[in-house]
């Protein structure tokens, strides 16, 4: 099980609060963050409630001060305010789709083939564990015009504005685990 501890002072000191699952709204008074210890798993922490604002991806490790935390932010929004207002573990064996850029907003985590996702506004994706083919329609149908065929993703973080022309989002109808194409 994933576990993360947030400390109110640098160097893992001060008031601490440990979490093992998603928290959409960290209570006021528990959200000041000057150091973090990720005991297990990998986490996304956010500067705002409801998985909004600046997102920072934290693999297992110790982050002794705000500078070490800020250096790992994974989005464009760099307004980290030394507060964790919401947080969630990242699925370590699958693909996670987000409806907003910078790995924010609602998520759909998938760990096996799924012929019916129905996400019309996918703006960012995290892949952990294997390679996945993403389809615009259900039942593993269709290709995206802008990628000239298959859209297969290996382990990593993907922001759709880089891949998808126009509005920077894609429709996802289904996902399928595939062998490494290389």
C-alpha atoms as a PDB file:
ATOM      1  CA  UNK A   1       0.000   0.000   0.000  1.00  0.00           C
ATOM      2  CA  UNK A   2       1.243   3.489  -0.850  1.00  0.00           C
ATOM      3  CA  UNK A   3       2.192   5.778   2.048  1.00  0.00           C
ATOM      4  CA  UNK A   4       3.255   9.429   2.264  1.00  0.00           C
ATOM      5  CA  UNK A   5       3.995  11.654   5.292  1.00  0.00           C
ATOM      6  CA  UNK A   6       3.764  15.451   5.119  1.00  0.00           C
ATOM      7  CA  UNK A   7       5.770  17.523   7.649  1.00  0.00           C
ATOM      8  CA  UNK A   8       5.120  21.135   8.658  1.00  0.00           C
ATOM      9  CA  UNK A   9       8.850  21.910   9.012  1.00  0.00           C
ATOM     10  CA  UNK A  10      11.977  21.207   6.994  1.00  0.00           C
ATOM     11  CA  UNK A  11      14.095  18.075   7.541  1.00  0.00           C
ATOM     12  CA  UNK A  12      11.097  15.889   8.502  1.00  0.00           C
ATOM     13  CA  UNK A  13      10.322  17.874  11.635  1.00  0.00           C
ATOM     14  CA  UNK A  14       7.249  19.479  13.106  1.00  0.00           C
ATOM     15  CA  UNK A  15       3.682  18.299  12.871  1.00  0.00           C
ATOM     16  CA  UNK A  16       3.310  15.281  10.628  1.00  0.00           C
ATOM     17  CA  UNK A  17       0.376  13.668   8.880  1.00  0.00           C
ATOM     18  CA  UNK A  18       0.537  10.289   7.103  1.00  0.00           C
ATOM     19  CA  UNK A  19      -1.750   9.301   4.231  1.00  0.00           C
ATOM     20  CA  UNK A  20      -2.303   5.991   2.469  1.00  0.00           C
ATOM     21  CA  UNK A  21      -4.974   6.939  -0.060  1.00  0.00           C
ATOM     22  CA  UNK A  22      -6.573   9.767  -2.016  1.00  0.00           C
ATOM     23  CA  UNK A  23      -7.426  13.007  -0.226  1.00  0.00           C
ATOM     24  CA  UNK A  24      -9.435  15.543  -2.214  1.00  0.00           C
ATOM     25  CA  UNK A  25      -9.350  18.255   0.455  1.00  0.00           C
ATOM     26  CA  UNK A  26      -6.569  18.163   3.069  1.00  0.00           C
ATOM     27  CA  UNK A  27      -7.942  19.903   6.178  1.00  0.00           C
ATOM     28  CA  UNK A  28      -6.659  23.379   6.946  1.00  0.00           C
ATOM     29  CA  UNK A  29      -3.894  23.098   9.518  1.00  0.00           C
ATOM     30  CA  UNK A  30      -2.713  19.768   8.106  1.00  0.00           C
ATOM     31  CA  UNK A  31      -1.680  21.121   4.706  1.00  0.00           C
ATOM     32  CA  UNK A  32       1.477  23.147   5.418  1.00  0.00           C
ATOM     33  CA  UNK A  33       4.290  21.261   3.746  1.00  0.00           C
ATOM     34  CA  UNK A  34       7.989  21.969   4.202  1.00  0.00           C
ATOM     35  CA  UNK A  35       9.221  18.368   3.858  1.00  0.00           C
ATOM     36  CA  UNK A  36       7.853  15.019   2.684  1.00  0.00           C
ATOM     37  CA  UNK A  37       8.727  11.365   3.080  1.00  0.00           C
ATOM     38  CA  UNK A  38       7.277   8.926   0.546  1.00  0.00           C
ATOM     39  CA  UNK A  39       7.541   5.546   2.251  1.00  0.00           C
ATOM     40  CA  UNK A  40       6.036   3.537  -0.573  1.00  0.00           C
ATOM     41  CA  UNK A  41       4.451   4.011  -3.956  1.00  0.00           C
ATOM     42  CA  UNK A  42       4.509   7.143  -6.053  1.00  0.00           C
ATOM     43  CA  UNK A  43       2.336  10.169  -5.351  1.00  0.00           C
ATOM     44  CA  UNK A  44       0.894  13.256  -6.987  1.00  0.00           C
ATOM     45  CA  UNK A  45       0.519  16.207  -4.614  1.00  0.00           C
ATOM     46  CA  UNK A  46      -1.391  19.354  -5.575  1.00  0.00           C
ATOM     47  CA  UNK A  47      -1.282  22.973  -4.456  1.00  0.00           C
ATOM     48  CA  UNK A  48      -5.099  23.275  -4.570  1.00  0.00           C
ATOM     49  CA  UNK A  49      -8.092  21.211  -3.456  1.00  0.00           C
ATOM     50  CA  UNK A  50      -9.783  18.731  -5.805  1.00  0.00           C
ATOM     51  CA  UNK A  51      -6.511  17.751  -7.525  1.00  0.00           C
ATOM     52  CA  UNK A  52      -6.046  21.193  -9.080  1.00  0.00           C
ATOM     53  CA  UNK A  53      -3.230  23.725  -9.259  1.00  0.00           C
ATOM     54  CA  UNK A  54       0.424  22.800  -9.466  1.00  0.00           C
ATOM     55  CA  UNK A  55       1.003  19.045  -9.483  1.00  0.00           C
ATOM     56  CA  UNK A  56       4.197  17.443  -8.243  1.00  0.00           C
ATOM     57  CA  UNK A  57       5.038  13.779  -8.841  1.00  0.00           C
ATOM     58  CA  UNK A  58       6.964  12.253  -5.954  1.00  0.00           C
ATOM     59  CA  UNK A  59       8.544   8.796  -6.207  1.00  0.00           C
ATOM     60  CA  UNK A  60       9.663   6.983  -3.055  1.00  0.00           C
ATOM     61  CA  UNK A  61      12.205   9.065  -1.150  1.00  0.00           C
ATOM     62  CA  UNK A  62      12.843  11.931   1.250  1.00  0.00           C
ATOM     63  CA  UNK A  63      12.268  15.559   0.260  1.00  0.00           C
ATOM     64  CA  UNK A  64      13.856  17.546   3.131  1.00  0.00           C
ATOM     65  CA  UNK A  65      12.793  21.058   2.108  1.00  0.00           C
ATOM     66  CA  UNK A  66      10.499  22.983  -0.265  1.00  0.00           C
ATOM     67  CA  UNK A  67      13.281  23.342  -2.851  1.00  0.00           C
ATOM     68  CA  UNK A  68      13.584  19.574  -3.230  1.00  0.00           C
ATOM     69  CA  UNK A  69       9.803  19.328  -3.601  1.00  0.00           C
ATOM     70  CA  UNK A  70       9.496  22.176  -6.137  1.00  0.00           C
ATOM     71  CA  UNK A  71      12.246  20.698  -8.334  1.00  0.00           C
ATOM     72  CA  UNK A  72       9.988  17.737  -9.131  1.00  0.00           C
ATOM     73  CA  UNK A  73       6.895  19.569 -10.368  1.00  0.00           C
ATOM     74  CA  UNK A  74       5.623  17.851 -13.504  1.00  0.00           C
ATOM     75  CA  UNK A  75       3.403  20.497 -15.030  1.00  0.00           C
ATOM     76  CA  UNK A  76       3.778  23.976 -16.461  1.00  0.00           C
ATOM     77  CA  UNK A  77       2.102  25.683 -13.546  1.00  0.00           C
ATOM     78  CA  UNK A  78       4.924  26.555 -11.150  1.00  0.00           C
ATOM     79  CA  UNK A  79       2.868  28.286  -8.442  1.00  0.00           C
ATOM     80  CA  UNK A  80       3.792  25.879  -5.642  1.00  0.00           C
ATOM     81  CA  UNK A  81       2.728  27.460  -2.356  1.00  0.00           C
ATOM     82  CA  UNK A  82       4.323  25.054   0.185  1.00  0.00           C
ATOM     83  CA  UNK A  83       0.921  23.537   0.894  1.00  0.00           C
ATOM     84  CA  UNK A  84      -0.461  20.138  -0.041  1.00  0.00           C
ATOM     85  CA  UNK A  85      -4.166  20.765  -0.536  1.00  0.00           C
ATOM     86  CA  UNK A  86      -4.929  17.389  -2.186  1.00  0.00           C
ATOM     87  CA  UNK A  87      -2.978  14.232  -2.991  1.00  0.00           C
ATOM     88  CA  UNK A  88      -3.326  10.786  -4.525  1.00  0.00           C
ATOM     89  CA  UNK A  89      -1.177   7.733  -5.171  1.00  0.00           C
ATOM     90  CA  UNK A  90      -0.285   6.850  -8.764  1.00  0.00           C
ATOM     91  CA  UNK A  91      -1.329   3.429  -9.967  1.00  0.00           C
ATOM     92  CA  UNK A  92       1.922   1.484 -10.321  1.00  0.00           C
ATOM     93  CA  UNK A  93       0.733  -1.102 -12.845  1.00  0.00           C
ATOM     94  CA  UNK A  94      -1.391   0.551 -15.459  1.00  0.00           C
ATOM     95  CA  UNK A  95      -2.430   3.727 -17.213  1.00  0.00           C
ATOM     96  CA  UNK A  96      -4.078   6.728 -15.574  1.00  0.00           C
ATOM     97  CA  UNK A  97      -6.036   9.244 -17.663  1.00  0.00           C
ATOM     98  CA  UNK A  98      -6.710  12.800 -16.429  1.00  0.00           C
ATOM     99  CA  UNK A  99      -9.353  15.204 -17.699  1.00  0.00           C
ATOM    100  CA  UNK A 100      -7.146  18.271 -17.158  1.00  0.00           C
ATOM    101  CA  UNK A 101      -3.619  19.231 -18.126  1.00  0.00           C
ATOM    102  CA  UNK A 102      -0.737  18.843 -15.670  1.00  0.00           C
ATOM    103  CA  UNK A 103      -2.211  15.580 -14.285  1.00  0.00           C
ATOM    104  CA  UNK A 104      -5.032  17.425 -12.563  1.00  0.00           C
ATOM    105  CA  UNK A 105      -8.783  16.945 -12.324  1.00  0.00           C
ATOM    106  CA  UNK A 106     -10.701  13.694 -12.454  1.00  0.00           C
ATOM    107  CA  UNK A 107      -8.819  10.490 -13.134  1.00  0.00           C
ATOM    108  CA  UNK A 108      -9.536   7.076 -14.568  1.00  0.00           C
ATOM    109  CA  UNK A 109      -7.009   4.423 -13.541  1.00  0.00           C
ATOM    110  CA  UNK A 110      -6.921   1.267 -15.644  1.00  0.00           C
ATOM    111  CA  UNK A 111      -4.917  -1.880 -14.853  1.00  0.00           C
ATOM    112  CA  UNK A 112      -6.158  -4.219 -17.593  1.00  0.00           C
ATOM    113  CA  UNK A 113      -7.633  -4.005 -21.082  1.00  0.00           C
ATOM    114  CA  UNK A 114     -10.766  -1.885 -21.056  1.00  0.00           C
ATOM    115  CA  UNK A 115     -12.989  -1.730 -24.165  1.00  0.00           C
ATOM    116  CA  UNK A 116     -15.216   1.044 -22.825  1.00  0.00           C
ATOM    117  CA  UNK A 117     -13.505   4.076 -21.198  1.00  0.00           C
ATOM    118  CA  UNK A 118     -15.639   6.978 -22.481  1.00  0.00           C
ATOM    119  CA  UNK A 119     -13.379   9.924 -21.640  1.00  0.00           C
ATOM    120  CA  UNK A 120     -14.049  12.765 -24.080  1.00  0.00           C
ATOM    121  CA  UNK A 121     -11.519  15.237 -22.688  1.00  0.00           C
ATOM    122  CA  UNK A 122      -8.286  13.459 -21.818  1.00  0.00           C
ATOM    123  CA  UNK A 123      -5.579  16.094 -21.308  1.00  0.00           C
ATOM    124  CA  UNK A 124      -2.779  14.143 -19.605  1.00  0.00           C
ATOM    125  CA  UNK A 125      -1.757  10.524 -19.055  1.00  0.00           C
ATOM    126  CA  UNK A 126       0.611   8.669 -16.721  1.00  0.00           C
ATOM    127  CA  UNK A 127       1.759   5.173 -17.702  1.00  0.00           C
ATOM    128  CA  UNK A 128       3.333   2.909 -15.092  1.00  0.00           C
ATOM    129  CA  UNK A 129       3.855  -0.711 -15.960  1.00  0.00           C
ATOM    130  CA  UNK A 130       3.996  -1.802 -19.565  1.00  0.00           C
ATOM    131  CA  UNK A 131       2.901  -0.360 -22.882  1.00  0.00           C
ATOM    132  CA  UNK A 132      -0.635   0.705 -23.682  1.00  0.00           C
ATOM    133  CA  UNK A 133      -2.439   1.465 -26.936  1.00  0.00           C
ATOM    134  CA  UNK A 134      -5.030   4.219 -26.686  1.00  0.00           C
ATOM    135  CA  UNK A 135      -8.048   4.209 -29.031  1.00  0.00           C
ATOM    136  CA  UNK A 136     -10.518   7.032 -29.761  1.00  0.00           C
ATOM    137  CA  UNK A 137     -13.495   4.623 -29.865  1.00  0.00           C
ATOM    138  CA  UNK A 138     -14.773   1.737 -27.798  1.00  0.00           C
ATOM    139  CA  UNK A 139     -13.949  -1.916 -28.466  1.00  0.00           C
ATOM    140  CA  UNK A 140     -10.359  -1.021 -29.472  1.00  0.00           C
ATOM    141  CA  UNK A 141     -11.393   0.795 -32.649  1.00  0.00           C
ATOM    142  CA  UNK A 142      -9.992   3.770 -34.546  1.00  0.00           C
ATOM    143  CA  UNK A 143      -6.727   5.649 -34.833  1.00  0.00           C
ATOM    144  CA  UNK A 144      -5.841   9.262 -34.175  1.00  0.00           C
ATOM    145  CA  UNK A 145      -5.248  11.214 -37.419  1.00  0.00           C
ATOM    146  CA  UNK A 146      -2.475  13.333 -35.913  1.00  0.00           C
ATOM    147  CA  UNK A 147      -0.270  10.353 -35.016  1.00  0.00           C
ATOM    148  CA  UNK A 148      -0.584   8.542 -38.352  1.00  0.00           C
ATOM    149  CA  UNK A 149      -1.919   5.347 -36.864  1.00  0.00           C
ATOM    150  CA  UNK A 150      -1.350   3.692 -33.506  1.00  0.00           C
ATOM    151  CA  UNK A 151      -0.994   5.733 -30.350  1.00  0.00           C
ATOM    152  CA  UNK A 152       1.068   3.461 -28.084  1.00  0.00           C
ATOM    153  CA  UNK A 153       2.524   4.793 -24.838  1.00  0.00           C
ATOM    154  CA  UNK A 154       5.247   3.306 -22.634  1.00  0.00           C
ATOM    155  CA  UNK A 155       6.115   4.230 -19.046  1.00  0.00           C
ATOM    156  CA  UNK A 156       6.149   8.011 -18.606  1.00  0.00           C
ATOM    157  CA  UNK A 157       4.144  11.193 -18.213  1.00  0.00           C
ATOM    158  CA  UNK A 158       2.278  12.533 -21.251  1.00  0.00           C
ATOM    159  CA  UNK A 159       0.693  15.939 -21.708  1.00  0.00           C
ATOM    160  CA  UNK A 160      -1.776  15.880 -24.597  1.00  0.00           C
ATOM    161  CA  UNK A 161      -1.153  19.501 -25.703  1.00  0.00           C
ATOM    162  CA  UNK A 162       2.249  18.255 -26.910  1.00  0.00           C
ATOM    163  CA  UNK A 163       0.757  15.362 -28.892  1.00  0.00           C
ATOM    164  CA  UNK A 164      -2.717  16.412 -29.985  1.00  0.00           C
ATOM    165  CA  UNK A 165      -3.066  19.413 -32.297  1.00  0.00           C
ATOM    166  CA  UNK A 166      -5.760  21.987 -31.755  1.00  0.00           C
ATOM    167  CA  UNK A 167      -7.348  21.960 -28.328  1.00  0.00           C
ATOM    168  CA  UNK A 168      -4.747  19.719 -26.615  1.00  0.00           C
ATOM    169  CA  UNK A 169      -7.141  16.973 -25.590  1.00  0.00           C
ATOM    170  CA  UNK A 170      -8.202  13.651 -26.990  1.00  0.00           C
ATOM    171  CA  UNK A 171     -11.205  11.370 -26.710  1.00  0.00           C
ATOM    172  CA  UNK A 172     -10.386   7.967 -25.266  1.00  0.00           C
ATOM    173  CA  UNK A 173     -12.819   5.144 -25.964  1.00  0.00           C
ATOM    174  CA  UNK A 174     -10.699   2.167 -24.955  1.00  0.00           C
ATOM    175  CA  UNK A 175      -7.201   1.131 -23.871  1.00  0.00           C
ATOM    176  CA  UNK A 176      -5.319  -2.108 -24.429  1.00  0.00           C
ATOM    177  CA  UNK A 177      -2.082  -3.403 -22.952  1.00  0.00           C
ATOM    178  CA  UNK A 178       0.340  -4.275 -25.768  1.00  0.00           C
ATOM    179  CA  UNK A 179       3.864  -5.718 -26.030  1.00  0.00           C
ATOM    180  CA  UNK A 180       6.731  -3.245 -26.190  1.00  0.00           C
ATOM    181  CA  UNK A 181       6.882  -2.122 -29.857  1.00  0.00           C
ATOM    182  CA  UNK A 182      10.684  -1.805 -29.844  1.00  0.00           C
END
